[in-house]
Amino acid sequence: MSLADPVAFMKDFVAGGVAAAISKTAVAPIERVKLLLQVQHISKQISEDQRYKGMVDCFIRIPKEQGFLSYWRGNLANVIRYFPTQALNFAFKDKYKQVFLGGVDKRTQFWRYFLGNLASGGAAGATSLCFVYPLDFARTRLAADVGKGANQREFSGLGNCIAKIFKTDGIVGLYRGFGVSVQGIIIYRAAYFGFFDTAKGMLPDPKNTPFLISWAIAQTVTTVAGIVSYPFDTVRRRMMMQSGRSKADIVYKNTLHAWSVIYKVEGGAAFFKGAFSNVLRGTGGALVLVLYDEIKAFLF
């Protein structure tokens, strides 16, 4: 994908966007269950006796209590987010690679290559996040909104969510949890890059690996990296839930305090609430890769 050929770039961009929209919409119910399990302990709408007991309980109760279509709450923000994220990643990826990986030989300077890859990935991810974070924030808050009718809901939609939080907390409210999000990106990349290279290095002939084995390795590595970085995701979602609250209702003073309180009150397992849903959702990532080529062939 190169800007030297704008037509090819647009084809890739549109095909990737359509594939992402389909796969994100397909796995949106799983994503919503995952988010609810992550944040229900800090939600003002979910009392202690109304909390979901687990993934199955959550799946059954959502359509009963909020209607079938509520499975897709927050999905629009998630789909919209794809386009600026991809465009920004494309714009910044090569720049950061030049800065951190220029002149580095991955065969003779593995650790420099490893750290450079982390730094470039983290920097590109953080730069993209700067622009799209309010959409990620809104997606979380809309998915966590368990009101049934319009009068019980906290937000009526994407625009209403961003406007309400901006009015009460300003721009800071829309970026709550940003720091821990960047840490999560770096941890994810470290785990992914480390495990993927190790797994490939253990194969007898890495360059001629059958597609199925490569796909299985990618799936396994994505799952492991997702679990390793999952506590950071839980903390950032909990921080997001505090925007728009009065000072008296603030549970976590800052990110470090959030880590401490969650561990003390709920135990270490709390950082992994909804993690199994996240593993199931990973199939959506595989679906994007399969759909991408099919859609490109169909559209163009």
C-alpha atoms as a PDB file:
ATOM      1  CA  MET A   1       0.000   0.000   0.000  1.00  0.00           C
ATOM      2  CA  SER A   2       1.709   3.173  -1.165  1.00  0.00           C
ATOM      3  CA  LEU A   3       0.710   6.789  -1.678  1.00  0.00           C
ATOM      4  CA  ALA A   4       2.692   6.643  -4.931  1.00  0.00           C
ATOM      5  CA  ASP A   5      -0.352   4.791  -6.276  1.00  0.00           C
ATOM      6  CA  PRO A   6      -3.377   6.637  -4.774  1.00  0.00           C
ATOM      7  CA  VAL A   7      -5.919   4.373  -6.546  1.00  0.00           C
ATOM      8  CA  ALA A   8      -4.384   1.214  -5.056  1.00  0.00           C
ATOM      9  CA  PHE A   9      -4.182   2.964  -1.669  1.00  0.00           C
ATOM     10  CA  MET A  10      -7.897   3.868  -1.775  1.00  0.00           C
ATOM     11  CA  LYS A  11      -8.851   0.325  -2.851  1.00  0.00           C
ATOM     12  CA  ASP A  12      -6.933  -1.114   0.108  1.00  0.00           C
ATOM     13  CA  PHE A  13      -8.338   1.528   2.452  1.00  0.00           C
ATOM     14  CA  VAL A  14     -11.983   0.953   1.419  1.00  0.00           C
ATOM     15  CA  ALA A  15     -11.679  -2.865   1.319  1.00  0.00           C
ATOM     16  CA  GLY A  16     -10.017  -2.839   4.746  1.00  0.00           C
ATOM     17  CA  GLY A  17     -12.723  -0.532   6.102  1.00  0.00           C
ATOM     18  CA  VAL A  18     -15.609  -2.649   4.792  1.00  0.00           C
ATOM     19  CA  ALA A  19     -13.978  -5.849   6.113  1.00  0.00           C
ATOM     20  CA  ALA A  20     -13.414  -4.229   9.520  1.00  0.00           C
ATOM     21  CA  ALA A  21     -16.996  -2.888   9.652  1.00  0.00           C
ATOM     22  CA  ILE A  22     -18.423  -6.365   8.918  1.00  0.00           C
ATOM     23  CA  SER A  23     -16.163  -8.206  11.376  1.00  0.00           C
ATOM     24  CA  LYS A  24     -16.552  -5.601  14.160  1.00  0.00           C
ATOM     25  CA  THR A  25     -20.340  -5.697  13.746  1.00  0.00           C
ATOM     26  CA  ALA A  26     -20.288  -9.524  13.787  1.00  0.00           C
ATOM     27  CA  VAL A  27     -18.363  -9.679  17.077  1.00  0.00           C
ATOM     28  CA  ALA A  28     -19.957  -6.549  18.661  1.00  0.00           C
ATOM     29  CA  PRO A  29     -22.187  -8.601  21.040  1.00  0.00           C
ATOM     30  CA  ILE A  30     -19.070 -10.361  22.406  1.00  0.00           C
ATOM     31  CA  GLU A  31     -17.307  -6.995  22.700  1.00  0.00           C
ATOM     32  CA  ARG A  32     -20.221  -5.524  24.666  1.00  0.00           C
ATOM     33  CA  VAL A  33     -20.300  -8.482  27.073  1.00  0.00           C
ATOM     34  CA  LYS A  34     -16.543  -8.116  27.609  1.00  0.00           C
ATOM     35  CA  LEU A  35     -16.863  -4.383  28.373  1.00  0.00           C
ATOM     36  CA  LEU A  36     -19.787  -4.866  30.772  1.00  0.00           C
ATOM     37  CA  LEU A  37     -17.901  -7.547  32.718  1.00  0.00           C
ATOM     38  CA  GLN A  38     -14.857  -5.250  32.892  1.00  0.00           C
ATOM     39  CA  VAL A  39     -16.606  -2.128  34.189  1.00  0.00           C
ATOM     40  CA  GLN A  40     -19.754  -3.293  36.033  1.00  0.00           C
ATOM     41  CA  HIS A  41     -18.086  -2.910  39.468  1.00  0.00           C
ATOM     42  CA  ILE A  42     -17.708   0.841  38.930  1.00  0.00           C
ATOM     43  CA  SER A  43     -20.971   1.410  37.024  1.00  0.00           C
ATOM     44  CA  LYS A  44     -23.530   3.630  38.780  1.00  0.00           C
ATOM     45  CA  GLN A  45     -26.318   1.923  36.798  1.00  0.00           C
ATOM     46  CA  ILE A  46     -25.544  -1.633  37.977  1.00  0.00           C
ATOM     47  CA  SER A  47     -26.171  -2.280  41.677  1.00  0.00           C
ATOM     48  CA  GLU A  48     -24.286  -5.068  43.463  1.00  0.00           C
ATOM     49  CA  ASP A  49     -27.227  -7.495  43.351  1.00  0.00           C
ATOM     50  CA  GLN A  50     -27.757  -6.802  39.621  1.00  0.00           C
ATOM     51  CA  ARG A  51     -24.182  -7.563  38.510  1.00  0.00           C
ATOM     52  CA  TYR A  52     -23.627 -10.161  35.796  1.00  0.00           C
ATOM     53  CA  LYS A  53     -22.355 -13.488  37.117  1.00  0.00           C
ATOM     54  CA  GLY A  54     -20.286 -14.190  34.032  1.00  0.00           C
ATOM     55  CA  MET A  55     -20.222 -14.271  30.235  1.00  0.00           C
ATOM     56  CA  VAL A  56     -23.240 -16.583  29.735  1.00  0.00           C
ATOM     57  CA  ASP A  57     -25.386 -14.709  32.279  1.00  0.00           C
ATOM     58  CA  CYS A  58     -24.519 -11.421  30.563  1.00  0.00           C
ATOM     59  CA  PHE A  59     -25.359 -12.801  27.088  1.00  0.00           C
ATOM     60  CA  ILE A  60     -28.768 -14.025  28.286  1.00  0.00           C
ATOM     61  CA  ARG A  61     -29.721 -10.904  30.252  1.00  0.00           C
ATOM     62  CA  ILE A  62     -28.769  -8.187  27.721  1.00  0.00           C
ATOM     63  CA  PRO A  63     -31.604  -8.902  25.205  1.00  0.00           C
ATOM     64  CA  LYS A  64     -34.091  -9.627  28.027  1.00  0.00           C
ATOM     65  CA  GLU A  65     -33.411  -6.401  29.923  1.00  0.00           C
ATOM     66  CA  GLN A  66     -32.332  -3.963  27.189  1.00  0.00           C
ATOM     67  CA  GLY A  67     -33.637  -5.430  23.922  1.00  0.00           C
ATOM     68  CA  PHE A  68     -31.886  -7.487  21.242  1.00  0.00           C
ATOM     69  CA  LEU A  69     -30.399  -4.503  19.369  1.00  0.00           C
ATOM     70  CA  SER A  70     -28.627  -3.316  22.522  1.00  0.00           C
ATOM     71  CA  TYR A  71     -25.953  -5.959  21.785  1.00  0.00           C
ATOM     72  CA  TRP A  72     -24.628  -3.395  19.268  1.00  0.00           C
ATOM     73  CA  ARG A  73     -24.463  -0.376  21.596  1.00  0.00           C
ATOM     74  CA  GLY A  74     -21.222   1.501  20.918  1.00  0.00           C
ATOM     75  CA  ASN A  75     -20.548  -0.408  17.681  1.00  0.00           C
ATOM     76  CA  LEU A  76     -20.923   2.654  15.421  1.00  0.00           C
ATOM     77  CA  ALA A  77     -18.117   4.481  17.274  1.00  0.00           C
ATOM     78  CA  ASN A  78     -15.968   1.347  16.967  1.00  0.00           C
ATOM     79  CA  VAL A  79     -16.540   1.101  13.191  1.00  0.00           C
ATOM     80  CA  ILE A  80     -15.971   4.842  12.582  1.00  0.00           C
ATOM     81  CA  ARG A  81     -12.736   4.662  14.598  1.00  0.00           C
ATOM     82  CA  TYR A  82     -11.217   2.217  12.114  1.00  0.00           C
ATOM     83  CA  PHE A  83     -10.833   4.737   9.271  1.00  0.00           C
ATOM     84  CA  PRO A  84      -8.865   7.514  11.013  1.00  0.00           C
ATOM     85  CA  THR A  85      -6.824   4.884  12.900  1.00  0.00           C
ATOM     86  CA  GLN A  86      -5.771   3.159   9.665  1.00  0.00           C
ATOM     87  CA  ALA A  87      -5.047   6.443   7.885  1.00  0.00           C
ATOM     88  CA  LEU A  88      -2.985   7.733  10.818  1.00  0.00           C
ATOM     89  CA  ASN A  89      -1.136   4.436  11.281  1.00  0.00           C
ATOM     90  CA  PHE A  90      -0.253   4.513   7.596  1.00  0.00           C
ATOM     91  CA  ALA A  91       0.885   8.148   7.814  1.00  0.00           C
ATOM     92  CA  PHE A  92       3.062   7.693  10.909  1.00  0.00           C
ATOM     93  CA  LYS A  93       4.242   4.072  10.625  1.00  0.00           C
ATOM     94  CA  ASP A  94       7.062   4.640   8.126  1.00  0.00           C
ATOM     95  CA  LYS A  95       8.182   7.896   9.786  1.00  0.00           C
ATOM     96  CA  TYR A  96       8.644   6.222  13.154  1.00  0.00           C
ATOM     97  CA  LYS A  97      10.302   3.184  11.572  1.00  0.00           C
ATOM     98  CA  GLN A  98      12.903   5.491   9.970  1.00  0.00           C
ATOM     99  CA  VAL A  99      13.543   7.170  13.346  1.00  0.00           C
ATOM    100  CA  PHE A 100      13.796   4.026  15.489  1.00  0.00           C
ATOM    101  CA  LEU A 101      14.870   1.326  13.024  1.00  0.00           C
ATOM    102  CA  GLY A 102      16.994   3.200  10.463  1.00  0.00           C
ATOM    103  CA  GLY A 103      20.164   1.206   9.727  1.00  0.00           C
ATOM    104  CA  VAL A 104      19.333  -1.593  12.195  1.00  0.00           C
ATOM    105  CA  ASP A 105      19.971  -5.167  11.008  1.00  0.00           C
ATOM    106  CA  LYS A 106      17.466  -7.510  12.667  1.00  0.00           C
ATOM    107  CA  ARG A 107      19.729 -10.540  12.223  1.00  0.00           C
ATOM    108  CA  THR A 108      22.819  -9.093  13.917  1.00  0.00           C
ATOM    109  CA  GLN A 109      21.188  -6.511  16.222  1.00  0.00           C
ATOM    110  CA  PHE A 110      18.121  -8.393  17.501  1.00  0.00           C
ATOM    111  CA  TRP A 111      17.657  -6.452  20.756  1.00  0.00           C
ATOM    112  CA  ARG A 112      18.028  -3.076  19.039  1.00  0.00           C
ATOM    113  CA  TYR A 113      15.532  -4.248  16.445  1.00  0.00           C
ATOM    114  CA  PHE A 114      13.181  -5.542  19.171  1.00  0.00           C
ATOM    115  CA  LEU A 115      13.323  -2.282  21.194  1.00  0.00           C
ATOM    116  CA  GLY A 116      13.115  -0.165  18.024  1.00  0.00           C
ATOM    117  CA  ASN A 117      10.001  -2.050  16.955  1.00  0.00           C
ATOM    118  CA  LEU A 118       8.455  -1.479  20.384  1.00  0.00           C
ATOM    119  CA  ALA A 119       9.302   2.218  20.294  1.00  0.00           C
ATOM    120  CA  SER A 120       8.029   2.744  16.730  1.00  0.00           C
ATOM    121  CA  GLY A 121       4.840   0.749  17.404  1.00  0.00           C
ATOM    122  CA  GLY A 122       4.231   2.528  20.694  1.00  0.00           C
ATOM    123  CA  ALA A 123       4.865   5.960  19.184  1.00  0.00           C
ATOM    124  CA  ALA A 124       2.640   5.280  16.138  1.00  0.00           C
ATOM    125  CA  GLY A 125      -0.082   3.842  18.392  1.00  0.00           C
ATOM    126  CA  ALA A 126       0.093   6.793  20.808  1.00  0.00           C
ATOM    127  CA  THR A 127      -0.025   9.320  17.949  1.00  0.00           C
ATOM    128  CA  SER A 128      -3.075   7.628  16.399  1.00  0.00           C
ATOM    129  CA  LEU A 129      -4.737   7.386  19.832  1.00  0.00           C
ATOM    130  CA  CYS A 130      -4.361  11.157  20.311  1.00  0.00           C
ATOM    131  CA  PHE A 131      -6.832  11.652  17.457  1.00  0.00           C
ATOM    132  CA  VAL A 132      -9.257   8.746  17.937  1.00  0.00           C
ATOM    133  CA  TYR A 133      -9.329   8.353  21.741  1.00  0.00           C
ATOM    134  CA  PRO A 134     -12.651  10.237  22.207  1.00  0.00           C
ATOM    135  CA  LEU A 135     -14.289   7.672  19.860  1.00  0.00           C
ATOM    136  CA  ASP A 136     -12.847   4.802  21.915  1.00  0.00           C
ATOM    137  CA  PHE A 137     -14.027   6.557  25.071  1.00  0.00           C
ATOM    138  CA  ALA A 138     -17.567   7.001  23.660  1.00  0.00           C
ATOM    139  CA  ARG A 139     -17.659   3.368  22.491  1.00  0.00           C
ATOM    140  CA  THR A 140     -16.870   2.217  26.061  1.00  0.00           C
ATOM    141  CA  ARG A 141     -19.421   4.494  27.723  1.00  0.00           C
ATOM    142  CA  LEU A 142     -22.202   3.605  25.254  1.00  0.00           C
ATOM    143  CA  ALA A 143     -21.517  -0.135  25.652  1.00  0.00           C
ATOM    144  CA  ALA A 144     -21.565   0.255  29.454  1.00  0.00           C
ATOM    145  CA  ASP A 145     -24.931   2.092  29.365  1.00  0.00           C
ATOM    146  CA  VAL A 146     -27.481  -0.500  30.545  1.00  0.00           C
ATOM    147  CA  GLY A 147     -30.651   1.633  30.553  1.00  0.00           C
ATOM    148  CA  LYS A 148     -33.545   0.133  28.567  1.00  0.00           C
ATOM    149  CA  GLY A 149     -35.627   3.088  27.354  1.00  0.00           C
ATOM    150  CA  ALA A 150     -34.473   6.585  26.369  1.00  0.00           C
ATOM    151  CA  ASN A 151     -35.407   7.933  29.826  1.00  0.00           C
ATOM    152  CA  GLN A 152     -33.231   5.305  31.583  1.00  0.00           C
ATOM    153  CA  ARG A 153     -30.191   5.649  29.337  1.00  0.00           C
ATOM    154  CA  GLU A 154     -27.245   7.823  30.307  1.00  0.00           C
ATOM    155  CA  PHE A 155     -26.505   8.768  26.676  1.00  0.00           C
ATOM    156  CA  SER A 156     -28.762   8.810  23.613  1.00  0.00           C
ATOM    157  CA  GLY A 157     -25.927   8.204  21.145  1.00  0.00           C
ATOM    158  CA  LEU A 158     -22.341   8.902  20.069  1.00  0.00           C
ATOM    159  CA  GLY A 159     -22.656  12.687  19.656  1.00  0.00           C
ATOM    160  CA  ASN A 160     -24.650  13.057  22.877  1.00  0.00           C
ATOM    161  CA  CYS A 161     -22.021  11.095  24.848  1.00  0.00           C
ATOM    162  CA  ILE A 162     -19.086  13.222  23.631  1.00  0.00           C
ATOM    163  CA  ALA A 163     -21.036  16.496  24.096  1.00  0.00           C
ATOM    164  CA  LYS A 164     -22.215  15.606  27.641  1.00  0.00           C
ATOM    165  CA  ILE A 165     -18.780  14.591  28.913  1.00  0.00           C
ATOM    166  CA  PHE A 166     -17.103  17.584  27.244  1.00  0.00           C
ATOM    167  CA  LYS A 167     -19.621  19.889  28.941  1.00  0.00           C
ATOM    168  CA  THR A 168     -18.984  18.497  32.451  1.00  0.00           C
ATOM    169  CA  ASP A 169     -15.283  17.515  32.322  1.00  0.00           C
ATOM    170  CA  GLY A 170     -13.851  19.283  29.282  1.00  0.00           C
ATOM    171  CA  ILE A 171     -11.320  17.651  26.961  1.00  0.00           C
ATOM    172  CA  VAL A 172      -9.634  15.902  29.944  1.00  0.00           C
ATOM    173  CA  GLY A 173     -12.796  13.845  30.502  1.00  0.00           C
ATOM    174  CA  LEU A 174     -12.664  12.475  26.952  1.00  0.00           C
ATOM    175  CA  TYR A 175      -9.015  11.433  27.387  1.00  0.00           C
ATOM    176  CA  ARG A 176      -9.282   9.779  30.813  1.00  0.00           C
ATOM    177  CA  GLY A 177      -7.169   6.587  30.854  1.00  0.00           C
ATOM    178  CA  PHE A 178      -5.010   7.726  27.913  1.00  0.00           C
ATOM    179  CA  GLY A 179      -1.660   7.092  29.655  1.00  0.00           C
ATOM    180  CA  VAL A 180      -2.455   3.512  30.636  1.00  0.00           C
ATOM    181  CA  SER A 181      -3.807   2.913  27.096  1.00  0.00           C
ATOM    182  CA  VAL A 182      -0.390   3.783  25.620  1.00  0.00           C
ATOM    183  CA  GLN A 183       1.316   1.493  28.170  1.00  0.00           C
ATOM    184  CA  GLY A 184      -1.077  -1.273  27.097  1.00  0.00           C
ATOM    185  CA  ILE A 185      -0.150  -0.803  23.417  1.00  0.00           C
ATOM    186  CA  ILE A 186       3.573  -1.112  24.231  1.00  0.00           C
ATOM    187  CA  ILE A 187       3.030  -4.213  26.420  1.00  0.00           C
ATOM    188  CA  TYR A 188       0.848  -5.799  23.691  1.00  0.00           C
ATOM    189  CA  ARG A 189       3.477  -5.143  21.024  1.00  0.00           C
ATOM    190  CA  ALA A 190       6.276  -6.455  23.265  1.00  0.00           C
ATOM    191  CA  ALA A 191       4.341  -9.670  23.913  1.00  0.00           C
ATOM    192  CA  TYR A 192       3.220 -10.075  20.286  1.00  0.00           C
ATOM    193  CA  PHE A 193       6.617  -9.339  18.770  1.00  0.00           C
ATOM    194  CA  GLY A 194       8.509 -11.437  21.329  1.00  0.00           C
ATOM    195  CA  PHE A 195       6.242 -14.493  21.126  1.00  0.00           C
ATOM    196  CA  PHE A 196       5.800 -14.350  17.339  1.00  0.00           C
ATOM    197  CA  ASP A 197       9.540 -14.202  16.636  1.00  0.00           C
ATOM    198  CA  THR A 198      10.240 -16.947  19.178  1.00  0.00           C
ATOM    199  CA  ALA A 199       7.540 -19.214  17.710  1.00  0.00           C
ATOM    200  CA  LYS A 200       8.733 -18.641  14.130  1.00  0.00           C
ATOM    201  CA  GLY A 201      12.343 -19.214  15.168  1.00  0.00           C
ATOM    202  CA  MET A 202      11.442 -22.657  16.540  1.00  0.00           C
ATOM    203  CA  LEU A 203      10.093 -23.846  13.168  1.00  0.00           C
ATOM    204  CA  PRO A 204      12.430 -26.012  11.047  1.00  0.00           C
ATOM    205  CA  ASP A 205      11.937 -23.840   7.922  1.00  0.00           C
ATOM    206  CA  PRO A 206      10.354 -20.477   8.909  1.00  0.00           C
ATOM    207  CA  LYS A 207      10.316 -19.111   5.325  1.00  0.00           C
ATOM    208  CA  ASN A 208       8.330 -22.046   3.928  1.00  0.00           C
ATOM    209  CA  THR A 209       5.770 -22.487   6.678  1.00  0.00           C
ATOM    210  CA  PRO A 210       2.338 -23.737   5.495  1.00  0.00           C
ATOM    211  CA  PHE A 211      -0.380 -21.062   5.672  1.00  0.00           C
ATOM    212  CA  LEU A 212      -2.455 -22.958   8.265  1.00  0.00           C
ATOM    213  CA  ILE A 213       0.496 -23.218  10.659  1.00  0.00           C
ATOM    214  CA  SER A 214       1.341 -19.508  10.207  1.00  0.00           C
ATOM    215  CA  TRP A 215      -2.307 -18.619  10.851  1.00  0.00           C
ATOM    216  CA  ALA A 216      -2.431 -20.847  13.963  1.00  0.00           C
ATOM    217  CA  ILE A 217       0.756 -19.223  15.305  1.00  0.00           C
ATOM    218  CA  ALA A 218      -0.638 -15.727  14.627  1.00  0.00           C
ATOM    219  CA  GLN A 219      -3.916 -16.610  16.393  1.00  0.00           C
ATOM    220  CA  THR A 220      -2.098 -18.078  19.408  1.00  0.00           C
ATOM    221  CA  VAL A 221       0.307 -15.146  19.670  1.00  0.00           C
ATOM    222  CA  THR A 222      -2.540 -12.609  19.340  1.00  0.00           C
ATOM    223  CA  THR A 223      -4.437 -14.407  22.127  1.00  0.00           C
ATOM    224  CA  VAL A 224      -1.402 -14.562  24.447  1.00  0.00           C
ATOM    225  CA  ALA A 225      -0.458 -10.913  23.789  1.00  0.00           C
ATOM    226  CA  GLY A 226      -4.096  -9.906  24.387  1.00  0.00           C
ATOM    227  CA  ILE A 227      -4.161 -11.687  27.763  1.00  0.00           C
ATOM    228  CA  VAL A 228      -0.769 -10.268  28.857  1.00  0.00           C
ATOM    229  CA  SER A 229      -1.894  -6.686  28.112  1.00  0.00           C
ATOM    230  CA  TYR A 230      -5.511  -7.198  29.291  1.00  0.00           C
ATOM    231  CA  PRO A 231      -5.089  -5.705  32.819  1.00  0.00           C
ATOM    232  CA  PHE A 232      -4.079  -2.390  31.207  1.00  0.00           C
ATOM    233  CA  ASP A 233      -7.286  -2.465  29.172  1.00  0.00           C
ATOM    234  CA  THR A 234      -9.359  -3.108  32.306  1.00  0.00           C
ATOM    235  CA  VAL A 235      -7.755  -0.183  34.166  1.00  0.00           C
ATOM    236  CA  ARG A 236      -8.247   2.219  31.251  1.00  0.00           C
ATOM    237  CA  ARG A 237     -11.924   1.253  30.854  1.00  0.00           C
ATOM    238  CA  ARG A 238     -12.477   1.757  34.603  1.00  0.00           C
ATOM    239  CA  MET A 239     -10.838   5.212  34.366  1.00  0.00           C
ATOM    240  CA  MET A 240     -13.108   6.093  31.417  1.00  0.00           C
ATOM    241  CA  MET A 241     -16.172   5.273  33.533  1.00  0.00           C
ATOM    242  CA  GLN A 242     -15.324   8.090  35.969  1.00  0.00           C
ATOM    243  CA  SER A 243     -15.698  10.953  33.486  1.00  0.00           C
ATOM    244  CA  GLY A 244     -18.808  13.045  34.098  1.00  0.00           C
ATOM    245  CA  ARG A 245     -18.989  12.177  37.813  1.00  0.00           C
ATOM    246  CA  SER A 246     -18.985  14.545  40.778  1.00  0.00           C
ATOM    247  CA  LYS A 247     -15.870  14.582  42.987  1.00  0.00           C
ATOM    248  CA  ALA A 248     -17.737  12.645  45.683  1.00  0.00           C
ATOM    249  CA  ASP A 249     -18.389   9.782  43.221  1.00  0.00           C
ATOM    250  CA  ILE A 250     -14.780   9.405  42.048  1.00  0.00           C
ATOM    251  CA  VAL A 251     -13.436   5.985  43.092  1.00  0.00           C
ATOM    252  CA  TYR A 252      -9.944   6.105  41.545  1.00  0.00           C
ATOM    253  CA  LYS A 253      -7.827   9.264  42.045  1.00  0.00           C
ATOM    254  CA  ASN A 254      -5.442   8.289  39.240  1.00  0.00           C
ATOM    255  CA  THR A 255      -4.215   5.252  37.305  1.00  0.00           C
ATOM    256  CA  LEU A 256      -1.868   3.980  40.049  1.00  0.00           C
ATOM    257  CA  HIS A 257      -4.656   4.323  42.599  1.00  0.00           C
ATOM    258  CA  ALA A 258      -6.957   2.356  40.244  1.00  0.00           C
ATOM    259  CA  TRP A 259      -4.469  -0.560  40.057  1.00  0.00           C
ATOM    260  CA  SER A 260      -4.186  -0.551  43.854  1.00  0.00           C
ATOM    261  CA  VAL A 261      -7.930  -0.280  44.640  1.00  0.00           C
ATOM    262  CA  ILE A 262      -8.988  -2.915  42.083  1.00  0.00           C
ATOM    263  CA  TYR A 263      -6.414  -5.370  43.482  1.00  0.00           C
ATOM    264  CA  LYS A 264      -7.288  -4.683  47.150  1.00  0.00           C
ATOM    265  CA  VAL A 265     -11.073  -4.722  46.753  1.00  0.00           C
ATOM    266  CA  GLU A 266     -11.618  -7.308  43.991  1.00  0.00           C
ATOM    267  CA  GLY A 267      -8.371  -9.301  43.861  1.00  0.00           C
ATOM    268  CA  GLY A 268      -5.985 -10.027  40.975  1.00  0.00           C
ATOM    269  CA  ALA A 269      -8.636 -11.900  38.954  1.00  0.00           C
ATOM    270  CA  ALA A 270     -10.569  -8.612  38.518  1.00  0.00           C
ATOM    271  CA  PHE A 271      -7.973  -7.397  36.007  1.00  0.00           C
ATOM    272  CA  PHE A 272      -8.971 -10.301  33.727  1.00  0.00           C
ATOM    273  CA  LYS A 273     -12.767  -9.970  33.868  1.00  0.00           C
ATOM    274  CA  GLY A 274     -14.143 -10.547  30.367  1.00  0.00           C
ATOM    275  CA  ALA A 275     -10.789 -11.890  29.117  1.00  0.00           C
ATOM    276  CA  PHE A 276     -12.350 -15.081  27.714  1.00  0.00           C
ATOM    277  CA  SER A 277     -14.803 -12.948  25.685  1.00  0.00           C
ATOM    278  CA  ASN A 278     -11.736 -11.141  24.358  1.00  0.00           C
ATOM    279  CA  VAL A 279     -10.248 -14.456  23.205  1.00  0.00           C
ATOM    280  CA  LEU A 280     -13.496 -15.260  21.336  1.00  0.00           C
ATOM    281  CA  ARG A 281     -13.494 -11.764  19.845  1.00  0.00           C
ATOM    282  CA  GLY A 282     -10.023 -12.459  18.441  1.00  0.00           C
ATOM    283  CA  THR A 283     -11.687 -14.583  15.769  1.00  0.00           C
ATOM    284  CA  GLY A 284     -12.936 -11.254  14.397  1.00  0.00           C
ATOM    285  CA  GLY A 285      -9.336 -10.302  13.672  1.00  0.00           C
ATOM    286  CA  ALA A 286      -8.907 -13.499  11.676  1.00  0.00           C
ATOM    287  CA  LEU A 287     -12.192 -12.762   9.911  1.00  0.00           C
ATOM    288  CA  VAL A 288     -10.844  -9.357   8.773  1.00  0.00           C
ATOM    289  CA  LEU A 289      -7.889 -11.012   7.032  1.00  0.00           C
ATOM    290  CA  VAL A 290     -10.128 -13.505   5.225  1.00  0.00           C
ATOM    291  CA  LEU A 291     -12.771 -10.916   4.299  1.00  0.00           C
ATOM    292  CA  TYR A 292     -10.232  -8.315   3.168  1.00  0.00           C
ATOM    293  CA  ASP A 293      -9.163 -10.182   0.009  1.00  0.00           C
ATOM    294  CA  GLU A 294     -12.728 -11.297  -0.774  1.00  0.00           C
ATOM    295  CA  ILE A 295     -14.118  -7.754  -0.518  1.00  0.00           C
ATOM    296  CA  LYS A 296     -11.240  -6.303  -2.550  1.00  0.00           C
ATOM    297  CA  ALA A 297     -11.939  -8.817  -5.323  1.00  0.00           C
ATOM    298  CA  PHE A 298     -15.697  -8.128  -5.165  1.00  0.00           C
ATOM    299  CA  LEU A 299     -15.474  -4.297  -5.060  1.00  0.00           C
ATOM    300  CA  PHE A 300     -12.756  -3.838  -7.625  1.00  0.00           C
END
